[in-house]
Amino acid sequence: FWSTRTEWWHYNLQGAHKDPIANFKW
């Protein structure tokens, strides 16, 4: 995971930005 400089709580999985936007609803 990689962090966001301005938000200590936020983490993105490496490469996830390449995935499509989804609207799956549970």
PDB file of all heavy atoms in Angstrom:
ATOM      1  N   PHE A   1       0.836  -1.194   0.000  1.00  0.00           N
ATOM      2  CA  PHE A   1       0.000   0.000   0.000  1.00  0.00           C
ATOM      3  C   PHE A   1       0.876   1.251   0.000  1.00  0.00           C
ATOM      4  O   PHE A   1       2.008   1.225   0.472  1.00  0.00           O
ATOM      5  CB  PHE A   1      -0.906   0.025   1.232  1.00  0.00           C
ATOM      6  CG  PHE A   1      -1.982  -1.023   1.236  1.00  0.00           C
ATOM      7  CD1 PHE A   1      -1.730  -2.292   1.763  1.00  0.00           C
ATOM      8  CD2 PHE A   1      -3.242  -0.762   0.714  1.00  0.00           C
ATOM      9  CE1 PHE A   1      -2.717  -3.260   1.767  1.00  0.00           C
ATOM     10  CE2 PHE A   1      -4.229  -1.724   0.724  1.00  0.00           C
ATOM     11  CZ  PHE A   1      -3.972  -2.984   1.244  1.00  0.00           C
ATOM     12  N   TRP A   2       0.341   2.340  -0.524  1.00  0.00           N
ATOM     13  CA  TRP A   2       1.044   3.615  -0.422  1.00  0.00           C
ATOM     14  C   TRP A   2       0.127   4.638   0.218  1.00  0.00           C
ATOM     15  O   TRP A   2      -1.095   4.550   0.124  1.00  0.00           O
ATOM     16  CB  TRP A   2       1.569   4.087  -1.770  1.00  0.00           C
ATOM     17  CG  TRP A   2       0.574   4.198  -2.885  1.00  0.00           C
ATOM     18  CD1 TRP A   2       0.180   3.214  -3.748  1.00  0.00           C
ATOM     19  CD2 TRP A   2      -0.131   5.378  -3.296  1.00  0.00           C
ATOM     20  NE1 TRP A   2      -0.728   3.693  -4.657  1.00  0.00           N
ATOM     21  CE2 TRP A   2      -0.938   5.017  -4.412  1.00  0.00           C
ATOM     22  CE3 TRP A   2      -0.160   6.699  -2.832  1.00  0.00           C
ATOM     23  CZ2 TRP A   2      -1.771   5.928  -5.058  1.00  0.00           C
ATOM     24  CZ3 TRP A   2      -0.994   7.611  -3.481  1.00  0.00           C
ATOM     25  CH2 TRP A   2      -1.787   7.215  -4.581  1.00  0.00           C
ATOM     26  N   SER A   3       0.740   5.570   0.893  1.00  0.00           N
ATOM     27  CA  SER A   3      -0.007   6.523   1.704  1.00  0.00           C
ATOM     28  C   SER A   3      -0.272   7.823   0.964  1.00  0.00           C
ATOM     29  O   SER A   3       0.312   8.100  -0.089  1.00  0.00           O
ATOM     30  CB  SER A   3       0.760   6.831   2.998  1.00  0.00           C
ATOM     31  OG  SER A   3       2.024   7.387   2.690  1.00  0.00           O
ATOM     32  N   THR A   4      -1.156   8.631   1.531  1.00  0.00           N
ATOM     33  CA  THR A   4      -1.429   9.985   1.053  1.00  0.00           C
ATOM     34  C   THR A   4      -0.808  10.959   2.042  1.00  0.00           C
ATOM     35  O   THR A   4      -1.051  10.861   3.244  1.00  0.00           O
ATOM     36  CB  THR A   4      -2.951  10.228   0.951  1.00  0.00           C
ATOM     37  OG1 THR A   4      -3.508   9.307   0.002  1.00  0.00           O
ATOM     38  CG2 THR A   4      -3.249  11.652   0.502  1.00  0.00           C
ATOM     39  N   ARG A   5      -0.023  11.897   1.551  1.00  0.00           N
ATOM     40  CA  ARG A   5       0.758  12.771   2.417  1.00  0.00           C
ATOM     41  C   ARG A   5      -0.089  13.514   3.443  1.00  0.00           C
ATOM     42  O   ARG A   5       0.323  13.702   4.579  1.00  0.00           O
ATOM     43  CB  ARG A   5       1.528  13.799   1.563  1.00  0.00           C
ATOM     44  CG  ARG A   5       2.454  14.699   2.377  1.00  0.00           C
ATOM     45  CD  ARG A   5       3.163  15.699   1.479  1.00  0.00           C
ATOM     46  NE  ARG A   5       2.251  16.714   0.975  1.00  0.00           N
ATOM     47  CZ  ARG A   5       1.952  17.841   1.620  1.00  0.00           C
ATOM     48  NH1 ARG A   5       2.478  18.092   2.809  1.00  0.00           N
ATOM     49  NH2 ARG A   5       1.127  18.726   1.091  1.00  0.00           N
ATOM     50  N   THR A   6      -1.296  13.946   3.053  1.00  0.00           N
ATOM     51  CA  THR A   6      -2.097  14.813   3.914  1.00  0.00           C
ATOM     52  C   THR A   6      -3.111  14.067   4.787  1.00  0.00           C
ATOM     53  O   THR A   6      -3.823  14.694   5.560  1.00  0.00           O
ATOM     54  CB  THR A   6      -2.861  15.834   3.056  1.00  0.00           C
ATOM     55  OG1 THR A   6      -3.711  15.133   2.131  1.00  0.00           O
ATOM     56  CG2 THR A   6      -1.894  16.722   2.280  1.00  0.00           C
ATOM     57  N   GLU A   7      -3.163  12.728   4.652  1.00  0.00           N
ATOM     58  CA  GLU A   7      -4.154  11.943   5.402  1.00  0.00           C
ATOM     59  C   GLU A   7      -3.490  10.702   5.989  1.00  0.00           C
ATOM     60  O   GLU A   7      -3.237   9.738   5.267  1.00  0.00           O
ATOM     61  CB  GLU A   7      -5.325  11.544   4.506  1.00  0.00           C
ATOM     62  CG  GLU A   7      -6.063  12.722   3.885  1.00  0.00           C
ATOM     63  CD  GLU A   7      -7.149  12.290   2.905  1.00  0.00           C
ATOM     64  OE1 GLU A   7      -7.302  11.067   2.681  1.00  0.00           O
ATOM     65  OE2 GLU A   7      -7.842  13.166   2.367  1.00  0.00           O
ATOM     66  N   TRP A   8      -3.234  10.695   7.282  1.00  0.00           N
ATOM     67  CA  TRP A   8      -2.552   9.561   7.894  1.00  0.00           C
ATOM     68  C   TRP A   8      -3.355   8.266   7.796  1.00  0.00           C
ATOM     69  O   TRP A   8      -2.795   7.167   7.903  1.00  0.00           O
ATOM     70  CB  TRP A   8      -2.202   9.860   9.358  1.00  0.00           C
ATOM     71  CG  TRP A   8      -3.390  10.129  10.259  1.00  0.00           C
ATOM     72  CD1 TRP A   8      -3.833  11.339  10.684  1.00  0.00           C
ATOM     73  CD2 TRP A   8      -4.276   9.152  10.834  1.00  0.00           C
ATOM     74  NE1 TRP A   8      -4.947  11.204  11.492  1.00  0.00           N
ATOM     75  CE2 TRP A   8      -5.239   9.862  11.598  1.00  0.00           C
ATOM     76  CE3 TRP A   8      -4.355   7.763  10.789  1.00  0.00           C
ATOM     77  CZ2 TRP A   8      -6.268   9.223  12.296  1.00  0.00           C
ATOM     78  CZ3 TRP A   8      -5.387   7.120  11.492  1.00  0.00           C
ATOM     79  CH2 TRP A   8      -6.316   7.853  12.230  1.00  0.00           C
ATOM     80  N   TRP A   9      -4.666   8.337   7.592  1.00  0.00           N
ATOM     81  CA  TRP A   9      -5.558   7.178   7.611  1.00  0.00           C
ATOM     82  C   TRP A   9      -5.752   6.528   6.239  1.00  0.00           C
ATOM     83  O   TRP A   9      -6.284   5.433   6.146  1.00  0.00           O
ATOM     84  CB  TRP A   9      -6.938   7.591   8.141  1.00  0.00           C
ATOM     85  CG  TRP A   9      -7.546   8.724   7.343  1.00  0.00           C
ATOM     86  CD1 TRP A   9      -8.264   8.622   6.181  1.00  0.00           C
ATOM     87  CD2 TRP A   9      -7.452  10.124   7.625  1.00  0.00           C
ATOM     88  NE1 TRP A   9      -8.619   9.869   5.726  1.00  0.00           N
ATOM     89  CE2 TRP A   9      -8.136  10.811   6.603  1.00  0.00           C
ATOM     90  CE3 TRP A   9      -6.867  10.862   8.657  1.00  0.00           C
ATOM     91  CZ2 TRP A   9      -8.249  12.204   6.568  1.00  0.00           C
ATOM     92  CZ3 TRP A   9      -6.970  12.248   8.620  1.00  0.00           C
ATOM     93  CH2 TRP A   9      -7.662  12.903   7.588  1.00  0.00           C
ATOM     94  N   HIS A  10      -5.372   7.193   5.160  1.00  0.00           N
ATOM     95  CA  HIS A  10      -5.728   6.736   3.811  1.00  0.00           C
ATOM     96  C   HIS A  10      -4.597   5.936   3.165  1.00  0.00           C
ATOM     97  O   HIS A  10      -3.457   6.392   3.100  1.00  0.00           O
ATOM     98  CB  HIS A  10      -6.061   7.942   2.924  1.00  0.00           C
ATOM     99  CG  HIS A  10      -6.515   7.552   1.544  1.00  0.00           C
ATOM    100  ND1 HIS A  10      -7.843   7.390   1.222  1.00  0.00           N
ATOM    101  CD2 HIS A  10      -5.820   7.277   0.412  1.00  0.00           C
ATOM    102  CE1 HIS A  10      -7.934   7.039  -0.047  1.00  0.00           C
ATOM    103  NE2 HIS A  10      -6.715   6.959  -0.565  1.00  0.00           N
ATOM    104  N   TYR A  11      -4.958   4.740   2.643  1.00  0.00           N
ATOM    105  CA  TYR A  11      -3.978   3.875   1.976  1.00  0.00           C
ATOM    106  C   TYR A  11      -4.561   3.294   0.692  1.00  0.00           C
ATOM    107  O   TYR A  11      -5.699   2.819   0.676  1.00  0.00           O
ATOM    108  CB  TYR A  11      -3.519   2.755   2.916  1.00  0.00           C
ATOM    109  CG  TYR A  11      -2.593   3.282   3.974  1.00  0.00           C
ATOM    110  CD1 TYR A  11      -3.099   3.769   5.181  1.00  0.00           C
ATOM    111  CD2 TYR A  11      -1.222   3.372   3.744  1.00  0.00           C
ATOM    112  CE1 TYR A  11      -2.254   4.313   6.134  1.00  0.00           C
ATOM    113  CE2 TYR A  11      -0.372   3.913   4.698  1.00  0.00           C
ATOM    114  CZ  TYR A  11      -0.888   4.388   5.883  1.00  0.00           C
ATOM    115  OH  TYR A  11      -0.061   4.938   6.823  1.00  0.00           O
ATOM    116  N   ASN A  12      -3.762   3.359  -0.371  1.00  0.00           N
ATOM    117  CA  ASN A  12      -4.138   2.812  -1.679  1.00  0.00           C
ATOM    118  C   ASN A  12      -3.273   1.604  -2.002  1.00  0.00           C
ATOM    119  O   ASN A  12      -2.049   1.643  -1.803  1.00  0.00           O
ATOM    120  CB  ASN A  12      -3.929   3.850  -2.783  1.00  0.00           C
ATOM    121  CG  ASN A  12      -4.799   5.073  -2.612  1.00  0.00           C
ATOM    122  OD1 ASN A  12      -5.968   4.974  -2.296  1.00  0.00           O
ATOM    123  ND2 ASN A  12      -4.213   6.248  -2.820  1.00  0.00           N
ATOM    124  N   LEU A  13      -3.894   0.555  -2.520  1.00  0.00           N
ATOM    125  CA  LEU A  13      -3.135  -0.606  -2.959  1.00  0.00           C
ATOM    126  C   LEU A  13      -2.383  -0.247  -4.234  1.00  0.00           C
ATOM    127  O   LEU A  13      -2.950   0.373  -5.145  1.00  0.00           O
ATOM    128  CB  LEU A  13      -4.066  -1.792  -3.214  1.00  0.00           C
ATOM    129  CG  LEU A  13      -3.368  -3.105  -3.601  1.00  0.00           C
ATOM    130  CD1 LEU A  13      -2.541  -3.634  -2.439  1.00  0.00           C
ATOM    131  CD2 LEU A  13      -4.395  -4.144  -4.042  1.00  0.00           C
ATOM    132  N   GLN A  14      -1.128  -0.615  -4.284  1.00  0.00           N
ATOM    133  CA  GLN A  14      -0.311  -0.307  -5.446  1.00  0.00           C
ATOM    134  C   GLN A  14      -0.950  -0.848  -6.729  1.00  0.00           C
ATOM    135  O   GLN A  14      -1.347  -2.011  -6.803  1.00  0.00           O
ATOM    136  CB  GLN A  14       1.083  -0.915  -5.275  1.00  0.00           C
ATOM    137  CG  GLN A  14       2.064  -0.539  -6.369  1.00  0.00           C
ATOM    138  CD  GLN A  14       3.474  -1.036  -6.070  1.00  0.00           C
ATOM    139  OE1 GLN A  14       3.718  -1.660  -5.050  1.00  0.00           O
ATOM    140  NE2 GLN A  14       4.394  -0.759  -6.962  1.00  0.00           N
ATOM    141  N   GLY A  15      -1.071  -0.001  -7.733  1.00  0.00           N
ATOM    142  CA  GLY A  15      -1.642  -0.399  -9.016  1.00  0.00           C
ATOM    143  C   GLY A  15      -3.152  -0.313  -9.100  1.00  0.00           C
ATOM    144  O   GLY A  15      -3.725  -0.475 -10.181  1.00  0.00           O
ATOM    145  N   ALA A  16      -3.820  -0.035  -7.980  1.00  0.00           N
ATOM    146  CA  ALA A  16      -5.289  -0.018  -7.966  1.00  0.00           C
ATOM    147  C   ALA A  16      -5.868   1.122  -8.796  1.00  0.00           C
ATOM    148  O   ALA A  16      -7.022   1.054  -9.224  1.00  0.00           O
ATOM    149  CB  ALA A  16      -5.800   0.066  -6.531  1.00  0.00           C
ATOM    150  N   HIS A  17      -5.077   2.163  -9.026  1.00  0.00           N
ATOM    151  CA  HIS A  17      -5.568   3.300  -9.815  1.00  0.00           C
ATOM    152  C   HIS A  17      -5.866   2.893 -11.259  1.00  0.00           C
ATOM    153  O   HIS A  17      -6.606   3.589 -11.966  1.00  0.00           O
ATOM    154  CB  HIS A  17      -4.540   4.431  -9.805  1.00  0.00           C
ATOM    155  CG  HIS A  17      -3.251   4.094 -10.484  1.00  0.00           C
ATOM    156  ND1 HIS A  17      -2.303   3.278  -9.908  1.00  0.00           N
ATOM    157  CD2 HIS A  17      -2.764   4.447 -11.703  1.00  0.00           C
ATOM    158  CE1 HIS A  17      -1.273   3.152 -10.733  1.00  0.00           C
ATOM    159  NE2 HIS A  17      -1.527   3.850 -11.827  1.00  0.00           N
ATOM    160  N   LYS A  18      -5.333   1.761 -11.692  1.00  0.00           N
ATOM    161  CA  LYS A  18      -5.555   1.292 -13.058  1.00  0.00           C
ATOM    162  C   LYS A  18      -6.886   0.550 -13.205  1.00  0.00           C
ATOM    163  O   LYS A  18      -7.343   0.298 -14.324  1.00  0.00           O
ATOM    164  CB  LYS A  18      -4.421   0.367 -13.484  1.00  0.00           C
ATOM    165  CG  LYS A  18      -3.052   1.026 -13.492  1.00  0.00           C
ATOM    166  CD  LYS A  18      -1.972   0.022 -13.857  1.00  0.00           C
ATOM    167  CE  LYS A  18      -0.588   0.647 -13.809  1.00  0.00           C
ATOM    168  NZ  LYS A  18       0.477  -0.354 -14.115  1.00  0.00           N
ATOM    169  N   ASP A  19      -7.501   0.169 -12.086  1.00  0.00           N
ATOM    170  CA  ASP A  19      -8.761  -0.574 -12.136  1.00  0.00           C
ATOM    171  C   ASP A  19      -9.919   0.338 -12.510  1.00  0.00           C
ATOM    172  O   ASP A  19      -9.879   1.547 -12.263  1.00  0.00           O
ATOM    173  CB  ASP A  19      -9.036  -1.240 -10.782  1.00  0.00           C
ATOM    174  CG  ASP A  19      -8.032  -2.319 -10.451  1.00  0.00           C
ATOM    175  OD1 ASP A  19      -7.573  -2.997 -11.390  1.00  0.00           O
ATOM    176  OD2 ASP A  19      -7.686  -2.474  -9.264  1.00  0.00           O
ATOM    177  N   PRO A  20     -10.972  -0.226 -13.085  1.00  0.00           N
ATOM    178  CA  PRO A  20     -12.124   0.602 -13.470  1.00  0.00           C
ATOM    179  C   PRO A  20     -12.944   1.053 -12.272  1.00  0.00           C
ATOM    180  O   PRO A  20     -12.973   0.388 -11.235  1.00  0.00           O
ATOM    181  CB  PRO A  20     -12.936  -0.344 -14.359  1.00  0.00           C
ATOM    182  CG  PRO A  20     -12.593  -1.713 -13.867  1.00  0.00           C
ATOM    183  CD  PRO A  20     -11.142  -1.637 -13.476  1.00  0.00           C
ATOM    184  N   ILE A  21     -13.605   2.183 -12.422  1.00  0.00           N
ATOM    185  CA  ILE A  21     -14.550   2.660 -11.410  1.00  0.00           C
ATOM    186  C   ILE A  21     -15.713   1.666 -11.357  1.00  0.00           C
ATOM    187  O   ILE A  21     -16.176   1.178 -12.389  1.00  0.00           O
ATOM    188  CB  ILE A  21     -15.066   4.063 -11.770  1.00  0.00           C
ATOM    189  CG1 ILE A  21     -13.919   5.075 -11.698  1.00  0.00           C
ATOM    190  CG2 ILE A  21     -16.203   4.479 -10.854  1.00  0.00           C
ATOM    191  CD1 ILE A  21     -14.294   6.443 -12.215  1.00  0.00           C
ATOM    192  N   ALA A  22     -16.162   1.355 -10.161  1.00  0.00           N
ATOM    193  CA  ALA A  22     -17.239   0.380  -9.998  1.00  0.00           C
ATOM    194  C   ALA A  22     -18.422   0.996  -9.265  1.00  0.00           C
ATOM    195  O   ALA A  22     -18.272   1.981  -8.535  1.00  0.00           O
ATOM    196  CB  ALA A  22     -16.735  -0.839  -9.227  1.00  0.00           C
ATOM    197  N   ASN A  23     -19.579   0.410  -9.480  1.00  0.00           N
ATOM    198  CA  ASN A  23     -20.773   0.851  -8.755  1.00  0.00           C
ATOM    199  C   ASN A  23     -21.500  -0.347  -8.163  1.00  0.00           C
ATOM    200  O   ASN A  23     -22.723  -0.348  -8.030  1.00  0.00           O
ATOM    201  CB  ASN A  23     -21.709   1.650  -9.670  1.00  0.00           C
ATOM    202  CG  ASN A  23     -22.706   2.481  -8.879  1.00  0.00           C
ATOM    203  OD1 ASN A  23     -22.385   2.994  -7.812  1.00  0.00           O
ATOM    204  ND2 ASN A  23     -23.935   2.600  -9.382  1.00  0.00           N
ATOM    205  N   PHE A  24     -20.721  -1.374  -7.826  1.00  0.00           N
ATOM    206  CA  PHE A  24     -21.287  -2.537  -7.146  1.00  0.00           C
ATOM    207  C   PHE A  24     -21.900  -2.104  -5.817  1.00  0.00           C
ATOM    208  O   PHE A  24     -21.299  -1.358  -5.058  1.00  0.00           O
ATOM    209  CB  PHE A  24     -20.186  -3.575  -6.906  1.00  0.00           C
ATOM    210  CG  PHE A  24     -20.516  -4.574  -5.841  1.00  0.00           C
ATOM    211  CD1 PHE A  24     -21.385  -5.623  -6.084  1.00  0.00           C
ATOM    212  CD2 PHE A  24     -19.979  -4.459  -4.564  1.00  0.00           C
ATOM    213  CE1 PHE A  24     -21.703  -6.537  -5.090  1.00  0.00           C
ATOM    214  CE2 PHE A  24     -20.282  -5.363  -3.562  1.00  0.00           C
ATOM    215  CZ  PHE A  24     -21.142  -6.408  -3.834  1.00  0.00           C
ATOM    216  N   LYS A  25     -23.109  -2.580  -5.524  1.00  0.00           N
ATOM    217  CA  LYS A  25     -23.797  -2.235  -4.274  1.00  0.00           C
ATOM    218  C   LYS A  25     -24.105  -3.522  -3.499  1.00  0.00           C
ATOM    219  O   LYS A  25     -24.597  -4.481  -4.059  1.00  0.00           O
ATOM    220  CB  LYS A  25     -25.090  -1.459  -4.560  1.00  0.00           C
ATOM    221  CG  LYS A  25     -24.856  -0.140  -5.287  1.00  0.00           C
ATOM    222  CD  LYS A  25     -26.167   0.541  -5.631  1.00  0.00           C
ATOM    223  CE  LYS A  25     -25.937   1.823  -6.430  1.00  0.00           C
ATOM    224  NZ  LYS A  25     -27.226   2.461  -6.832  1.00  0.00           N
ATOM    225  N   TRP A  26     -23.798  -3.488  -2.225  1.00  0.00           N
ATOM    226  CA  TRP A  26     -24.035  -4.675  -1.402  1.00  0.00           C
ATOM    227  C   TRP A  26     -25.439  -4.649  -0.811  1.00  0.00           C
ATOM    228  O   TRP A  26     -26.063  -3.598  -0.664  1.00  0.00           O
ATOM    229  CB  TRP A  26     -22.997  -4.738  -0.285  1.00  0.00           C
ATOM    230  CG  TRP A  26     -22.918  -3.509   0.561  1.00  0.00           C
ATOM    231  CD1 TRP A  26     -23.727  -3.169   1.606  1.00  0.00           C
ATOM    232  CD2 TRP A  26     -21.983  -2.422   0.420  1.00  0.00           C
ATOM    233  NE1 TRP A  26     -23.351  -1.959   2.126  1.00  0.00           N
ATOM    234  CE2 TRP A  26     -22.288  -1.467   1.430  1.00  0.00           C
ATOM    235  CE3 TRP A  26     -20.913  -2.188  -0.439  1.00  0.00           C
ATOM    236  CZ2 TRP A  26     -21.566  -0.301   1.576  1.00  0.00           C
ATOM    237  CZ3 TRP A  26     -20.191  -1.020  -0.284  1.00  0.00           C
ATOM    238  CH2 TRP A  26     -20.507  -0.101   0.717  1.00  0.00           C
TER     239      TRP A  26
END
